[in-house]
Amino acid sequence: MSRSLSRLTLSSLALVTLLAACDTSPTPDYRIKLMPSADGKSTIAVPPECASWHTENNSPLENLSGRQFGCATAHNLAAQVADPNDLIEGDKLGKPDAIFTAATVRDYRMGKSKSLIDPQVDGPVPATPTNSGVTQ
């Protein structure tokens, strides 16, 4: 009797543990979608729709990340990418410049390389005017 009771208890415990780990809600899709632009000559990145943080039902004491975790990252990436096709495949690498690389290593070994500017020692670096289109 005790052996069958312990098996039943163990089986019940395993079942409860498995059911507690189940998450029946669907996982949101936060992938960035690529669509042709209106003129059809380029591609645009469409950011995902992020859920509101106000609809989250997790207790702060549970220390769980929300379902929309990661959506802001995908949204910001879609807004910042210059060429959305780079999200699928990056640019091809150009040919390496072995002569320039070897000369740089040689100059470093001979002590001819320039050190980084240290504002504490060298003082502040004066701002150089740029042609940014801003009028003063």
Protein backbone atom coordinates (compact mmCIF):
# COMPACT_ATOMS: atom_id res chain seq x y z
CA MET A 1 0.00 0.00 0.00
CA SER A 2 2.74 2.42 0.93
CA ARG A 3 4.67 1.64 -2.28
CA SER A 4 1.67 2.39 -4.50
CA LEU A 5 0.96 5.56 -2.49
CA SER A 6 4.53 6.81 -2.99
CA ARG A 7 4.28 6.07 -6.75
CA LEU A 8 1.01 7.97 -6.90
CA THR A 9 2.51 10.88 -4.96
CA LEU A 10 5.57 10.94 -7.21
CA SER A 11 3.44 10.80 -10.36
CA SER A 12 1.19 13.59 -9.08
CA LEU A 13 4.17 15.72 -8.19
CA ALA A 14 5.72 15.22 -11.65
CA LEU A 15 2.42 16.06 -13.36
CA VAL A 16 1.91 19.22 -11.30
CA THR A 17 5.50 20.32 -12.02
CA LEU A 18 5.03 19.80 -15.76
CA LEU A 19 1.72 21.63 -15.83
CA ALA A 20 3.13 24.54 -13.83
CA ALA A 21 5.90 24.95 -16.40
CA CYS A 22 3.42 25.05 -19.30
CA ASP A 23 2.75 28.43 -20.80
CA THR A 24 -0.41 28.37 -22.86
CA SER A 25 -0.27 31.94 -24.13
CA PRO A 26 1.14 32.47 -27.63
CA THR A 27 4.61 33.92 -28.02
CA PRO A 28 4.45 37.33 -29.72
CA ASP A 29 6.23 37.79 -33.03
CA TYR A 30 8.65 40.70 -32.80
CA ARG A 31 10.49 40.05 -36.03
CA ILE A 32 11.28 43.03 -38.25
CA LYS A 33 9.39 42.81 -41.52
CA LEU A 34 10.95 44.01 -44.77
CA MET A 35 8.65 45.52 -47.38
CA PRO A 36 9.23 47.25 -50.71
CA SER A 37 9.02 51.03 -50.58
CA ALA A 38 6.26 52.94 -52.33
CA ASP A 39 8.40 53.52 -55.42
CA GLY A 40 9.46 49.86 -55.46
CA LYS A 41 13.16 50.75 -55.80
CA SER A 42 14.22 50.12 -52.21
CA THR A 43 13.25 48.22 -49.09
CA ILE A 44 11.94 49.55 -45.81
CA ALA A 45 12.09 47.94 -42.37
CA VAL A 46 8.72 47.81 -40.61
CA PRO A 47 9.10 47.72 -36.82
CA PRO A 48 6.93 45.30 -34.81
CA GLU A 49 3.89 46.41 -32.86
CA CYS A 50 4.86 46.38 -29.19
CA ALA A 51 2.30 45.49 -26.53
CA SER A 52 1.58 47.97 -23.78
CA TRP A 53 3.48 47.51 -20.55
CA HIS A 54 0.24 48.31 -18.71
CA THR A 55 -1.32 45.00 -19.75
CA GLU A 56 1.35 42.93 -17.99
CA ASN A 57 -0.11 40.71 -15.26
CA ASN A 58 3.13 39.52 -13.64
CA SER A 59 3.62 40.32 -10.01
CA PRO A 60 6.77 42.36 -9.35
CA LEU A 61 7.71 39.70 -6.79
CA GLU A 62 7.86 36.97 -9.48
CA ASN A 63 10.93 38.52 -11.16
CA LEU A 64 9.74 37.55 -14.65
CA SER A 65 10.40 39.37 -17.89
CA GLY A 66 7.36 40.58 -19.76
CA ARG A 67 6.01 39.11 -22.97
CA GLN A 68 7.05 42.24 -24.82
CA PHE A 69 10.66 41.83 -23.68
CA GLY A 70 12.83 42.44 -26.74
CA CYS A 71 10.21 44.31 -28.74
CA ALA A 72 11.76 47.72 -28.07
CA THR A 73 15.14 46.43 -29.26
CA ALA A 74 13.65 45.17 -32.52
CA HIS A 75 11.63 48.37 -32.93
CA ASN A 76 14.70 50.59 -32.45
CA LEU A 77 16.83 48.46 -34.79
CA ALA A 78 14.20 48.74 -37.53
CA ALA A 79 14.09 52.51 -37.05
CA GLN A 80 17.89 52.93 -37.20
CA VAL A 81 19.03 50.56 -39.93
CA ALA A 82 20.27 52.43 -43.02
CA ASP A 83 19.81 49.56 -45.48
CA PRO A 84 17.21 47.02 -44.34
CA ASN A 85 18.71 44.41 -46.67
CA ASP A 86 21.70 44.35 -44.31
CA LEU A 87 19.43 42.59 -41.81
CA ILE A 88 19.28 39.65 -44.22
CA GLU A 89 22.83 39.70 -45.53
CA GLY A 90 25.62 42.15 -44.75
CA ASP A 91 27.86 43.85 -47.29
CA LYS A 92 30.58 41.81 -48.95
CA LEU A 93 34.05 42.41 -47.59
CA GLY A 94 36.46 44.18 -49.87
CA LYS A 95 39.94 42.99 -50.67
CA PRO A 96 42.33 43.33 -47.73
CA ASP A 97 45.07 45.92 -48.05
CA ALA A 98 48.13 43.93 -46.96
CA ILE A 99 50.60 46.72 -47.75
CA PHE A 100 48.80 49.23 -45.52
CA THR A 101 48.38 46.66 -42.75
CA ALA A 102 52.05 45.65 -42.85
CA ALA A 103 53.17 49.30 -42.81
CA THR A 104 50.97 50.00 -39.79
CA VAL A 105 52.42 47.03 -37.88
CA ARG A 106 55.96 48.07 -38.85
CA ASP A 107 55.38 51.65 -37.62
CA TYR A 108 53.95 50.34 -34.35
CA ARG A 109 56.95 48.08 -33.77
CA MET A 110 59.34 50.95 -34.51
CA GLY A 111 57.52 53.27 -32.09
CA LYS A 112 56.26 55.57 -34.85
CA SER A 113 52.56 55.10 -34.14
CA LYS A 114 50.59 58.01 -32.70
CA SER A 115 49.21 57.63 -29.20
CA LEU A 116 45.65 58.43 -28.35
CA ILE A 117 44.87 61.92 -27.14
CA ASP A 118 44.63 62.14 -23.37
CA PRO A 119 42.58 65.23 -22.39
CA GLN A 120 44.00 65.05 -18.85
CA VAL A 121 47.55 65.49 -20.16
CA ASP A 122 47.15 67.25 -23.50
CA GLY A 123 44.25 69.52 -22.51
CA PRO A 124 40.88 69.67 -24.20
CA VAL A 125 40.72 69.17 -27.93
CA PRO A 126 39.47 72.32 -29.68
CA ALA A 127 36.28 71.84 -31.65
CA THR A 128 36.72 72.07 -35.38
CA PRO A 129 33.98 73.73 -37.38
CA THR A 130 31.96 71.38 -39.49
CA ASN A 131 29.63 71.95 -42.36
CA SER A 132 26.63 70.31 -40.74
CA GLY A 133 24.12 72.73 -42.20
CA VAL A 134 23.34 74.28 -38.82
CA THR A 135 23.38 78.06 -38.86
CA GLN A 136 24.51 79.92 -35.80
